[in-house]
PDB file of N, CA and C in Angstrom:
ATOM      1  N   MET A   1     -34.619  57.515  58.525  1.00  0.00           N
ATOM      2  CA  MET A   1     -34.016  57.316  59.836  1.00  0.00           C
ATOM      3  C   MET A   1     -32.991  56.205  59.742  1.00  0.00           C
ATOM      4  N   TRP A   2     -31.975  56.292  60.547  1.00  0.00           N
ATOM      5  CA  TRP A   2     -31.036  55.199  60.709  1.00  0.00           C
ATOM      6  C   TRP A   2     -30.643  55.122  62.169  1.00  0.00           C
ATOM      7  N   ALA A   3     -30.103  53.982  62.564  1.00  0.00           N
ATOM      8  CA  ALA A   3     -29.715  53.780  63.963  1.00  0.00           C
ATOM      9  C   ALA A   3     -28.405  53.012  64.018  1.00  0.00           C
ATOM     10  N   LEU A   4     -27.618  53.313  65.025  1.00  0.00           N
ATOM     11  CA  LEU A   4     -26.401  52.591  65.342  1.00  0.00           C
ATOM     12  C   LEU A   4     -26.540  52.179  66.797  1.00  0.00           C
ATOM     13  N   ALA A   5     -26.283  50.917  67.120  1.00  0.00           N
ATOM     14  CA  ALA A   5     -26.542  50.436  68.479  1.00  0.00           C
ATOM     15  C   ALA A   5     -25.386  49.601  68.996  1.00  0.00           C
ATOM     16  N   GLY A   6     -25.287  49.559  70.301  1.00  0.00           N
ATOM     17  CA  GLY A   6     -24.354  48.676  70.987  1.00  0.00           C
ATOM     18  C   GLY A   6     -25.034  48.178  72.246  1.00  0.00           C
ATOM     19  N   GLN A   7     -24.685  46.970  72.666  1.00  0.00           N
ATOM     20  CA  GLN A   7     -25.304  46.446  73.874  1.00  0.00           C
ATOM     21  C   GLN A   7     -24.345  45.547  74.622  1.00  0.00           C
ATOM     22  N   GLY A   8     -24.552  45.449  75.902  1.00  0.00           N
ATOM     23  CA  GLY A   8     -23.783  44.567  76.758  1.00  0.00           C
ATOM     24  C   GLY A   8     -24.720  43.939  77.765  1.00  0.00           C
ATOM     25  N   GLY A   9     -24.346  42.775  78.265  1.00  0.00           N
ATOM     26  CA  GLY A   9     -25.242  42.130  79.209  1.00  0.00           C
ATOM     27  C   GLY A   9     -24.651  40.909  79.867  1.00  0.00           C
ATOM     28  N   LEU A  10     -25.484  40.261  80.637  1.00  0.00           N
ATOM     29  CA  LEU A  10     -25.121  39.053  81.364  1.00  0.00           C
ATOM     30  C   LEU A  10     -26.090  37.934  81.020  1.00  0.00           C
ATOM     31  N   SER A  11     -25.582  36.705  81.029  1.00  0.00           N
ATOM     32  CA  SER A  11     -26.411  35.534  80.759  1.00  0.00           C
ATOM     33  C   SER A  11     -26.178  34.519  81.870  1.00  0.00           C
ATOM     34  N   PHE A  12     -27.242  33.816  82.254  1.00  0.00           N
ATOM     35  CA  PHE A  12     -27.175  32.837  83.334  1.00  0.00           C
ATOM     36  C   PHE A  12     -27.939  31.592  82.915  1.00  0.00           C
ATOM     37  N   GLU A  13     -27.304  30.426  83.016  1.00  0.00           N
ATOM     38  CA  GLU A  13     -27.946  29.158  82.669  1.00  0.00           C
ATOM     39  C   GLU A  13     -27.999  28.268  83.908  1.00  0.00           C
ATOM     40  N   PRO A  14     -29.133  28.287  84.636  1.00  0.00           N
ATOM     41  CA  PRO A  14     -29.235  27.450  85.833  1.00  0.00           C
ATOM     42  C   PRO A  14     -29.361  25.959  85.513  1.00  0.00           C
ATOM     43  N   ALA A  15     -29.756  25.634  84.288  1.00  0.00           N
ATOM     44  CA  ALA A  15     -29.890  24.243  83.851  1.00  0.00           C
ATOM     45  C   ALA A  15     -29.644  24.196  82.345  1.00  0.00           C
ATOM     46  N   GLU A  16     -29.449  23.011  81.808  1.00  0.00           N
ATOM     47  CA  GLU A  16     -29.188  22.862  80.375  1.00  0.00           C
ATOM     48  C   GLU A  16     -30.328  23.363  79.502  1.00  0.00           C
ATOM     49  N   LEU A  17     -31.549  23.279  79.992  1.00  0.00           N
ATOM     50  CA  LEU A  17     -32.713  23.648  79.191  1.00  0.00           C
ATOM     51  C   LEU A  17     -33.187  25.082  79.376  1.00  0.00           C
ATOM     52  N   VAL A  18     -32.583  25.832  80.281  1.00  0.00           N
ATOM     53  CA  VAL A  18     -33.083  27.167  80.605  1.00  0.00           C
ATOM     54  C   VAL A  18     -31.926  28.175  80.600  1.00  0.00           C
ATOM     55  N   ARG A  19     -32.203  29.359  80.036  1.00  0.00           N
ATOM     56  CA  ARG A  19     -31.223  30.443  80.043  1.00  0.00           C
ATOM     57  C   ARG A  19     -31.946  31.759  80.310  1.00  0.00           C
ATOM     58  N   PHE A  20     -31.348  32.609  81.135  1.00  0.00           N
ATOM     59  CA  PHE A  20     -31.857  33.950  81.409  1.00  0.00           C
ATOM     60  C   PHE A  20     -30.789  34.952  81.008  1.00  0.00           C
ATOM     61  N   ALA A  21     -31.212  36.114  80.524  1.00  0.00           N
ATOM     62  CA  ALA A  21     -30.255  37.137  80.132  1.00  0.00           C
ATOM     63  C   ALA A  21     -30.821  38.518  80.423  1.00  0.00           C
ATOM     64  N   THR A  22     -29.941  39.438  80.690  1.00  0.00           N
ATOM     65  CA  THR A  22     -30.296  40.840  80.836  1.00  0.00           C
ATOM     66  C   THR A  22     -29.279  41.667  80.054  1.00  0.00           C
ATOM     67  N   ARG A  23     -29.751  42.725  79.414  1.00  0.00           N
ATOM     68  CA  ARG A  23     -28.883  43.558  78.590  1.00  0.00           C
ATOM     69  C   ARG A  23     -29.275  45.021  78.747  1.00  0.00           C
ATOM     70  N   VAL A  24     -28.314  45.872  78.450  1.00  0.00           N
ATOM     71  CA  VAL A  24     -28.564  47.303  78.305  1.00  0.00           C
ATOM     72  C   VAL A  24     -28.076  47.680  76.915  1.00  0.00           C
ATOM     73  N   ALA A  25     -28.946  48.334  76.154  1.00  0.00           N
ATOM     74  CA  ALA A  25     -28.615  48.737  74.788  1.00  0.00           C
ATOM     75  C   ALA A  25     -28.632  50.260  74.688  1.00  0.00           C
ATOM     76  N   VAL A  26     -27.673  50.776  73.942  1.00  0.00           N
ATOM     77  CA  VAL A  26     -27.590  52.210  73.688  1.00  0.00           C
ATOM     78  C   VAL A  26     -27.703  52.409  72.180  1.00  0.00           C
ATOM     79  N   TYR A  27     -28.632  53.262  71.768  1.00  0.00           N
ATOM     80  CA  TYR A  27     -28.886  53.513  70.352  1.00  0.00           C
ATOM     81  C   TYR A  27     -28.604  54.976  70.022  1.00  0.00           C
ATOM     82  N   ARG A  28     -28.027  55.199  68.876  1.00  0.00           N
ATOM     83  CA  ARG A  28     -27.894  56.548  68.316  1.00  0.00           C
ATOM     84  C   ARG A  28     -28.829  56.594  67.110  1.00  0.00           C
ATOM     85  N   LEU A  29     -29.872  57.413  67.184  1.00  0.00           N
ATOM     86  CA  LEU A  29     -30.867  57.516  66.119  1.00  0.00           C
ATOM     87  C   LEU A  29     -30.689  58.845  65.388  1.00  0.00           C
ATOM     88  N   GLU A  30     -30.798  58.797  64.070  1.00  0.00           N
ATOM     89  CA  GLU A  30     -30.750  60.030  63.288  1.00  0.00           C
ATOM     90  C   GLU A  30     -31.885  60.037  62.291  1.00  0.00           C
ATOM     91  N   GLY A  31     -32.559  61.163  62.200  1.00  0.00           N
ATOM     92  CA  GLY A  31     -33.633  61.348  61.228  1.00  0.00           C
ATOM     93  C   GLY A  31     -33.260  62.475  60.289  1.00  0.00           C
ATOM     94  N   ARG A  32     -33.586  62.323  59.044  1.00  0.00           N
ATOM     95  CA  ARG A  32     -33.253  63.335  58.051  1.00  0.00           C
ATOM     96  C   ARG A  32     -34.441  63.524  57.119  1.00  0.00           C
ATOM     97  N   ARG A  33     -34.768  64.767  56.866  1.00  0.00           N
ATOM     98  CA  ARG A  33     -35.847  65.104  55.934  1.00  0.00           C
ATOM     99  C   ARG A  33     -35.272  66.022  54.873  1.00  0.00           C
ATOM    100  N   PHE A  34     -35.532  65.683  53.654  1.00  0.00           N
ATOM    101  CA  PHE A  34     -35.070  66.511  52.549  1.00  0.00           C
ATOM    102  C   PHE A  34     -36.256  67.282  51.994  1.00  0.00           C
ATOM    103  N   GLY A  35     -36.188  68.604  52.027  1.00  0.00           N
ATOM    104  CA  GLY A  35     -37.269  69.439  51.533  1.00  0.00           C
ATOM    105  C   GLY A  35     -36.866  70.181  50.277  1.00  0.00           C
ATOM    106  N   VAL A  36     -37.794  70.935  49.769  1.00  0.00           N
ATOM    107  CA  VAL A  36     -37.545  71.702  48.549  1.00  0.00           C
ATOM    108  C   VAL A  36     -36.545  72.812  48.818  1.00  0.00           C
ATOM    109  N   THR A  37     -36.708  73.509  49.950  1.00  0.00           N
ATOM    110  CA  THR A  37     -35.836  74.647  50.218  1.00  0.00           C
ATOM    111  C   THR A  37     -34.781  74.364  51.276  1.00  0.00           C
ATOM    112  N   GLN A  38     -34.982  73.339  52.095  1.00  0.00           N
ATOM    113  CA  GLN A  38     -34.007  73.072  53.152  1.00  0.00           C
ATOM    114  C   GLN A  38     -34.033  71.598  53.557  1.00  0.00           C
ATOM    115  N   SER A  39     -32.907  71.150  54.092  1.00  0.00           N
ATOM    116  CA  SER A  39     -32.817  69.801  54.648  1.00  0.00           C
ATOM    117  C   SER A  39     -32.834  69.916  56.159  1.00  0.00           C
ATOM    118  N   LEU A  40     -33.566  69.038  56.836  1.00  0.00           N
ATOM    119  CA  LEU A  40     -33.656  69.046  58.283  1.00  0.00           C
ATOM    120  C   LEU A  40     -33.121  67.735  58.830  1.00  0.00           C
ATOM    121  N   THR A  41     -32.298  67.800  59.858  1.00  0.00           N
ATOM    122  CA  THR A  41     -31.786  66.597  60.497  1.00  0.00           C
ATOM    123  C   THR A  41     -31.914  66.742  62.002  1.00  0.00           C
ATOM    124  N   ASP A  42     -31.987  65.604  62.667  1.00  0.00           N
ATOM    125  CA  ASP A  42     -31.999  65.573  64.120  1.00  0.00           C
ATOM    126  C   ASP A  42     -31.395  64.241  64.533  1.00  0.00           C
ATOM    127  N   SER A  43     -30.687  64.233  65.644  1.00  0.00           N
ATOM    128  CA  SER A  43     -30.135  62.985  66.151  1.00  0.00           C
ATOM    129  C   SER A  43     -30.284  62.959  67.665  1.00  0.00           C
ATOM    130  N   VAL A  44     -30.512  61.768  68.206  1.00  0.00           N
ATOM    131  CA  VAL A  44     -30.771  61.590  69.634  1.00  0.00           C
ATOM    132  C   VAL A  44     -30.150  60.282  70.105  1.00  0.00           C
ATOM    133  N   TRP A  45     -30.043  60.135  71.405  1.00  0.00           N
ATOM    134  CA  TRP A  45     -29.605  58.891  72.036  1.00  0.00           C
ATOM    135  C   TRP A  45     -30.809  58.236  72.700  1.00  0.00           C
ATOM    136  N   SER A  46     -30.834  56.903  72.697  1.00  0.00           N
ATOM    137  CA  SER A  46     -31.869  56.138  73.371  1.00  0.00           C
ATOM    138  C   SER A  46     -31.194  55.025  74.170  1.00  0.00           C
ATOM    139  N   VAL A  47     -31.720  54.742  75.352  1.00  0.00           N
ATOM    140  CA  VAL A  47     -31.187  53.682  76.217  1.00  0.00           C
ATOM    141  C   VAL A  47     -32.340  52.764  76.611  1.00  0.00           C
ATOM    142  N   ALA A  48     -32.120  51.443  76.492  1.00  0.00           N
ATOM    143  CA  ALA A  48     -33.169  50.475  76.828  1.00  0.00           C
ATOM    144  C   ALA A  48     -32.577  49.295  77.595  1.00  0.00           C
ATOM    145  N   ALA A  49     -33.349  48.773  78.540  1.00  0.00           N
ATOM    146  CA  ALA A  49     -32.975  47.575  79.293  1.00  0.00           C
ATOM    147  C   ALA A  49     -33.826  46.409  78.790  1.00  0.00           C
ATOM    148  N   THR A  50     -33.209  45.225  78.683  1.00  0.00           N
ATOM    149  CA  THR A  50     -33.885  44.044  78.154  1.00  0.00           C
ATOM    150  C   THR A  50     -33.735  42.869  79.112  1.00  0.00           C
ATOM    151  N   LEU A  51     -34.826  42.132  79.318  1.00  0.00           N
ATOM    152  CA  LEU A  51     -34.807  40.871  80.057  1.00  0.00           C
ATOM    153  C   LEU A  51     -35.263  39.771  79.109  1.00  0.00           C
ATOM    154  N   GLU A  52     -34.613  38.610  79.194  1.00  0.00           N
ATOM    155  CA  GLU A  52     -34.962  37.508  78.292  1.00  0.00           C
ATOM    156  C   GLU A  52     -34.933  36.195  79.051  1.00  0.00           C
ATOM    157  N   ALA A  53     -35.936  35.359  78.797  1.00  0.00           N
ATOM    158  CA  ALA A  53     -35.991  33.992  79.325  1.00  0.00           C
ATOM    159  C   ALA A  53     -36.068  33.057  78.127  1.00  0.00           C
ATOM    160  N   ALA A  54     -35.221  32.032  78.120  1.00  0.00           N
ATOM    161  CA  ALA A  54     -35.168  31.125  76.977  1.00  0.00           C
ATOM    162  C   ALA A  54     -35.272  29.678  77.431  1.00  0.00           C
ATOM    163  N   LEU A  55     -36.001  28.906  76.652  1.00  0.00           N
ATOM    164  CA  LEU A  55     -36.092  27.457  76.805  1.00  0.00           C
ATOM    165  C   LEU A  55     -35.282  26.866  75.663  1.00  0.00           C
ATOM    166  N   VAL A  56     -34.423  25.890  75.962  1.00  0.00           N
ATOM    167  CA  VAL A  56     -33.559  25.282  74.952  1.00  0.00           C
ATOM    168  C   VAL A  56     -34.032  23.842  74.733  1.00  0.00           C
ATOM    169  N   PRO A  57     -35.001  23.629  73.812  1.00  0.00           N
ATOM    170  CA  PRO A  57     -35.525  22.285  73.614  1.00  0.00           C
ATOM    171  C   PRO A  57     -34.561  21.351  72.887  1.00  0.00           C
ATOM    172  N   LEU A  58     -33.614  21.929  72.152  1.00  0.00           N
ATOM    173  CA  LEU A  58     -32.645  21.125  71.412  1.00  0.00           C
ATOM    174  C   LEU A  58     -31.281  21.765  71.557  1.00  0.00           C
ATOM    175  N   GLY A  59     -30.362  21.047  72.161  1.00  0.00           N
ATOM    176  CA  GLY A  59     -29.025  21.593  72.336  1.00  0.00           C
ATOM    177  C   GLY A  59     -27.969  20.504  72.366  1.00  0.00           C
ATOM    178  N   THR A  60     -26.922  20.703  71.597  1.00  0.00           N
ATOM    179  CA  THR A  60     -25.751  19.826  71.608  1.00  0.00           C
ATOM    180  C   THR A  60     -24.536  20.715  71.825  1.00  0.00           C
ATOM    181  N   ARG A  61     -23.363  20.140  71.739  1.00  0.00           N
ATOM    182  CA  ARG A  61     -22.139  20.915  71.926  1.00  0.00           C
ATOM    183  C   ARG A  61     -22.005  22.014  70.875  1.00  0.00           C
ATOM    184  N   ASP A  62     -22.385  21.743  69.624  1.00  0.00           N
ATOM    185  CA  ASP A  62     -22.173  22.685  68.531  1.00  0.00           C
ATOM    186  C   ASP A  62     -23.444  23.305  67.955  1.00  0.00           C
ATOM    187  N   PHE A  63     -24.619  22.906  68.420  1.00  0.00           N
ATOM    188  CA  PHE A  63     -25.864  23.382  67.828  1.00  0.00           C
ATOM    189  C   PHE A  63     -26.931  23.513  68.907  1.00  0.00           C
ATOM    190  N   ARG A  64     -27.739  24.560  68.827  1.00  0.00           N
ATOM    191  CA  ARG A  64     -28.853  24.685  69.766  1.00  0.00           C
ATOM    192  C   ARG A  64     -29.977  25.521  69.170  1.00  0.00           C
ATOM    193  N   VAL A  65     -31.184  25.208  69.624  1.00  0.00           N
ATOM    194  CA  VAL A  65     -32.389  25.956  69.260  1.00  0.00           C
ATOM    195  C   VAL A  65     -32.956  26.525  70.558  1.00  0.00           C
ATOM    196  N   GLU A  66     -33.257  27.818  70.557  1.00  0.00           N
ATOM    197  CA  GLU A  66     -33.797  28.475  71.737  1.00  0.00           C
ATOM    198  C   GLU A  66     -35.149  29.102  71.415  1.00  0.00           C
ATOM    199  N   LEU A  67     -36.100  28.962  72.309  1.00  0.00           N
ATOM    200  CA  LEU A  67     -37.395  29.642  72.234  1.00  0.00           C
ATOM    201  C   LEU A  67     -37.393  30.682  73.354  1.00  0.00           C
ATOM    202  N   CYS A  68     -37.464  31.945  72.987  1.00  0.00           N
ATOM    203  CA  CYS A  68     -37.264  33.022  73.955  1.00  0.00           C
ATOM    204  C   CYS A  68     -38.474  33.935  74.061  1.00  0.00           C
ATOM    205  N   VAL A  69     -38.626  34.519  75.232  1.00  0.00           N
ATOM    206  CA  VAL A  69     -39.550  35.624  75.468  1.00  0.00           C
ATOM    207  C   VAL A  69     -38.685  36.778  75.946  1.00  0.00           C
ATOM    208  N   ARG A  70     -38.817  37.915  75.279  1.00  0.00           N
ATOM    209  CA  ARG A  70     -37.978  39.075  75.575  1.00  0.00           C
ATOM    210  C   ARG A  70     -38.865  40.285  75.865  1.00  0.00           C
ATOM    211  N   ALA A  71     -38.531  41.002  76.916  1.00  0.00           N
ATOM    212  CA  ALA A  71     -39.234  42.248  77.256  1.00  0.00           C
ATOM    213  C   ALA A  71     -38.200  43.357  77.365  1.00  0.00           C
ATOM    214  N   HIS A  72     -38.574  44.550  76.911  1.00  0.00           N
ATOM    215  CA  HIS A  72     -37.650  45.673  77.045  1.00  0.00           C
ATOM    216  C   HIS A  72     -38.393  46.916  77.525  1.00  0.00           C
ATOM    217  N   ALA A  73     -37.651  47.765  78.203  1.00  0.00           N
ATOM    218  CA  ALA A  73     -38.175  49.038  78.695  1.00  0.00           C
ATOM    219  C   ALA A  73     -37.198  50.134  78.298  1.00  0.00           C
ATOM    220  N   SER A  74     -37.716  51.192  77.705  1.00  0.00           N
ATOM    221  CA  SER A  74     -36.878  52.318  77.310  1.00  0.00           C
ATOM    222  C   SER A  74     -36.642  53.213  78.511  1.00  0.00           C
ATOM    223  N   LEU A  75     -35.385  53.411  78.854  1.00  0.00           N
ATOM    224  CA  LEU A  75     -35.035  54.254  79.991  1.00  0.00           C
ATOM    225  C   LEU A  75     -34.910  55.717  79.571  1.00  0.00           C
ATOM    226  N   LEU A  76     -34.536  55.946  78.329  1.00  0.00           N
ATOM    227  CA  LEU A  76     -34.434  57.282  77.755  1.00  0.00           C
ATOM    228  C   LEU A  76     -35.243  57.265  76.472  1.00  0.00           C
ATOM    229  N   ARG A  77     -36.308  58.073  76.397  1.00  0.00           N
ATOM    230  CA  ARG A  77     -37.267  58.007  75.297  1.00  0.00           C
ATOM    231  C   ARG A  77     -37.276  59.305  74.490  1.00  0.00           C
ATOM    232  N   PRO A  78     -36.374  59.441  73.562  1.00  0.00           N
ATOM    233  CA  PRO A  78     -36.367  60.667  72.760  1.00  0.00           C
ATOM    234  C   PRO A  78     -37.502  60.677  71.749  1.00  0.00           C
ATOM    235  N   ARG A  79     -37.716  61.843  71.142  1.00  0.00           N
ATOM    236  CA  ARG A  79     -38.721  61.954  70.093  1.00  0.00           C
ATOM    237  C   ARG A  79     -38.206  62.924  69.034  1.00  0.00           C
ATOM    238  N   PHE A  80     -38.685  62.727  67.830  1.00  0.00           N
ATOM    239  CA  PHE A  80     -38.379  63.632  66.736  1.00  0.00           C
ATOM    240  C   PHE A  80     -39.594  64.523  66.530  1.00  0.00           C
ATOM    241  N   GLU A  81     -39.354  65.814  66.356  1.00  0.00           N
ATOM    242  CA  GLU A  81     -40.440  66.771  66.203  1.00  0.00           C
ATOM    243  C   GLU A  81     -40.222  67.641  64.977  1.00  0.00           C
ATOM    244  N   ILE A  82     -41.329  68.122  64.429  1.00  0.00           N
ATOM    245  CA  ILE A  82     -41.314  69.116  63.358  1.00  0.00           C
ATOM    246  C   ILE A  82     -42.012  70.351  63.891  1.00  0.00           C
ATOM    247  N   ASP A  83     -41.350  71.506  63.766  1.00  0.00           N
ATOM    248  CA  ASP A  83     -41.955  72.754  64.253  1.00  0.00           C
ATOM    249  C   ASP A  83     -43.318  72.966  63.612  1.00  0.00           C
ATOM    250  N   GLY A  84     -44.294  73.295  64.431  1.00  0.00           N
ATOM    251  CA  GLY A  84     -45.633  73.555  63.945  1.00  0.00           C
ATOM    252  C   GLY A  84     -46.469  72.307  63.722  1.00  0.00           C
ATOM    253  N   PHE A  85     -45.850  71.123  63.765  1.00  0.00           N
ATOM    254  CA  PHE A  85     -46.578  69.876  63.529  1.00  0.00           C
ATOM    255  C   PHE A  85     -46.594  69.008  64.789  1.00  0.00           C
ATOM    256  N   GLY A  86     -45.494  68.993  65.532  1.00  0.00           N
ATOM    257  CA  GLY A  86     -45.406  68.189  66.744  1.00  0.00           C
ATOM    258  C   GLY A  86     -44.536  66.960  66.554  1.00  0.00           C
ATOM    259  N   ALA A  87     -44.673  66.014  67.476  1.00  0.00           N
ATOM    260  CA  ALA A  87     -43.854  64.800  67.455  1.00  0.00           C
ATOM    261  C   ALA A  87     -44.261  63.911  66.287  1.00  0.00           C
ATOM    262  N   ILE A  88     -43.275  63.492  65.486  1.00  0.00           N
ATOM    263  CA  ILE A  88     -43.561  62.569  64.392  1.00  0.00           C
ATOM    264  C   ILE A  88     -43.106  61.151  64.721  1.00  0.00           C
ATOM    265  N   TYR A  89     -42.210  61.018  65.710  1.00  0.00           N
ATOM    266  CA  TYR A  89     -41.786  59.683  66.142  1.00  0.00           C
ATOM    267  C   TYR A  89     -41.303  59.785  67.578  1.00  0.00           C
ATOM    268  N   ARG A  90     -41.778  58.888  68.418  1.00  0.00           N
ATOM    269  CA  ARG A  90     -41.313  58.800  69.798  1.00  0.00           C
ATOM    270  C   ARG A  90     -40.979  57.353  70.086  1.00  0.00           C
ATOM    271  N   VAL A  91     -39.835  57.109  70.721  1.00  0.00           N
ATOM    272  CA  VAL A  91     -39.430  55.752  71.072  1.00  0.00           C
ATOM    273  C   VAL A  91     -40.463  55.177  72.032  1.00  0.00           C
ATOM    274  N   PRO A  92     -40.994  53.986  71.754  1.00  0.00           N
ATOM    275  CA  PRO A  92     -42.020  53.385  72.628  1.00  0.00           C
ATOM    276  C   PRO A  92     -41.476  53.139  74.039  1.00  0.00           C
ATOM    277  N   PRO A  93     -42.348  53.163  75.056  1.00  0.00           N
ATOM    278  CA  PRO A  93     -41.885  52.961  76.431  1.00  0.00           C
ATOM    279  C   PRO A  93     -41.427  51.537  76.712  1.00  0.00           C
ATOM    280  N   GLY A  94     -41.893  50.583  75.952  1.00  0.00           N
ATOM    281  CA  GLY A  94     -41.508  49.197  76.186  1.00  0.00           C
ATOM    282  C   GLY A  94     -42.153  48.285  75.171  1.00  0.00           C
ATOM    283  N   GLY A  95     -41.860  47.014  75.302  1.00  0.00           N
ATOM    284  CA  GLY A  95     -42.454  46.050  74.387  1.00  0.00           C
ATOM    285  C   GLY A  95     -42.035  44.639  74.742  1.00  0.00           C
ATOM    286  N   MET A  96     -42.619  43.686  74.033  1.00  0.00           N
ATOM    287  CA  MET A  96     -42.293  42.269  74.228  1.00  0.00           C
ATOM    288  C   MET A  96     -42.169  41.616  72.865  1.00  0.00           C
ATOM    289  N   ALA A  97     -41.417  40.515  72.816  1.00  0.00           N
ATOM    290  CA  ALA A  97     -41.244  39.786  71.567  1.00  0.00           C
ATOM    291  C   ALA A  97     -41.015  38.317  71.875  1.00  0.00           C
ATOM    292  N   GLY A  98     -41.444  37.483  70.964  1.00  0.00           N
ATOM    293  CA  GLY A  98     -41.117  36.067  70.982  1.00  0.00           C
ATOM    294  C   GLY A  98     -40.030  35.844  69.952  1.00  0.00           C
ATOM    295  N   VAL A  99     -38.997  35.089  70.315  1.00  0.00           N
ATOM    296  CA  VAL A  99     -37.838  34.900  69.438  1.00  0.00           C
ATOM    297  C   VAL A  99     -37.525  33.418  69.330  1.00  0.00           C
ATOM    298  N   VAL A 100     -37.278  32.960  68.120  1.00  0.00           N
ATOM    299  CA  VAL A 100     -36.743  31.616  67.886  1.00  0.00           C
ATOM    300  C   VAL A 100     -35.315  31.811  67.403  1.00  0.00           C
ATOM    301  N   ARG A 101     -34.359  31.293  68.141  1.00  0.00           N
ATOM    302  CA  ARG A 101     -32.948  31.481  67.827  1.00  0.00           C
ATOM    303  C   ARG A 101     -32.307  30.141  67.515  1.00  0.00           C
ATOM    304  N   VAL A 102     -31.599  30.072  66.400  1.00  0.00           N
ATOM    305  CA  VAL A 102     -30.827  28.886  66.027  1.00  0.00           C
ATOM    306  C   VAL A 102     -29.370  29.294  66.014  1.00  0.00           C
ATOM    307  N   ALA A 103     -28.541  28.566  66.737  1.00  0.00           N
ATOM    308  CA  ALA A 103     -27.116  28.905  66.817  1.00  0.00           C
ATOM    309  C   ALA A 103     -26.266  27.654  66.625  1.00  0.00           C
ATOM    310  N   TRP A 104     -25.140  27.830  65.979  1.00  0.00           N
ATOM    311  CA  TRP A 104     -24.185  26.738  65.862  1.00  0.00           C
ATOM    312  C   TRP A 104     -22.786  27.286  66.023  1.00  0.00           C
ATOM    313  N   ARG A 105     -21.939  26.469  66.536  1.00  0.00           N
ATOM    314  CA  ARG A 105     -20.557  26.859  66.816  1.00  0.00           C
ATOM    315  C   ARG A 105     -19.649  26.347  65.703  1.00  0.00           C
ATOM    316  N   ILE A 106     -18.778  27.222  65.253  1.00  0.00           N
ATOM    317  CA  ILE A 106     -17.806  26.860  64.222  1.00  0.00           C
ATOM    318  C   ILE A 106     -16.424  26.966  64.844  1.00  0.00           C
ATOM    319  N   ASP A 107     -15.706  25.861  64.856  1.00  0.00           N
ATOM    320  CA  ASP A 107     -14.327  25.867  65.430  1.00  0.00           C
ATOM    321  C   ASP A 107     -13.311  26.181  64.373  1.00  0.00           C
TER     322      ASP A 107
END
């Protein structure tokens, strides 16, 4: 399988130590199976919305560390199937992640 994705979103910082963000991501997924007598491929689109809350415990003009909690929900949930076998992969309905982000600015 491989995926190609793009996303866009908005970010809001009500204070120096806090940041909120929302994004919409669009994924193009392709699965390929190589068999003895034939090759099988399938491709689908997936769309997911993401919300993120971040605490910035260390931040300067050129460097910052963020501790984030991110949740996402799949709005379009495709699946890959094999005839006679059923679904072999389905995009999950949602999930959560903890993220540590380190960023620095280069002028």
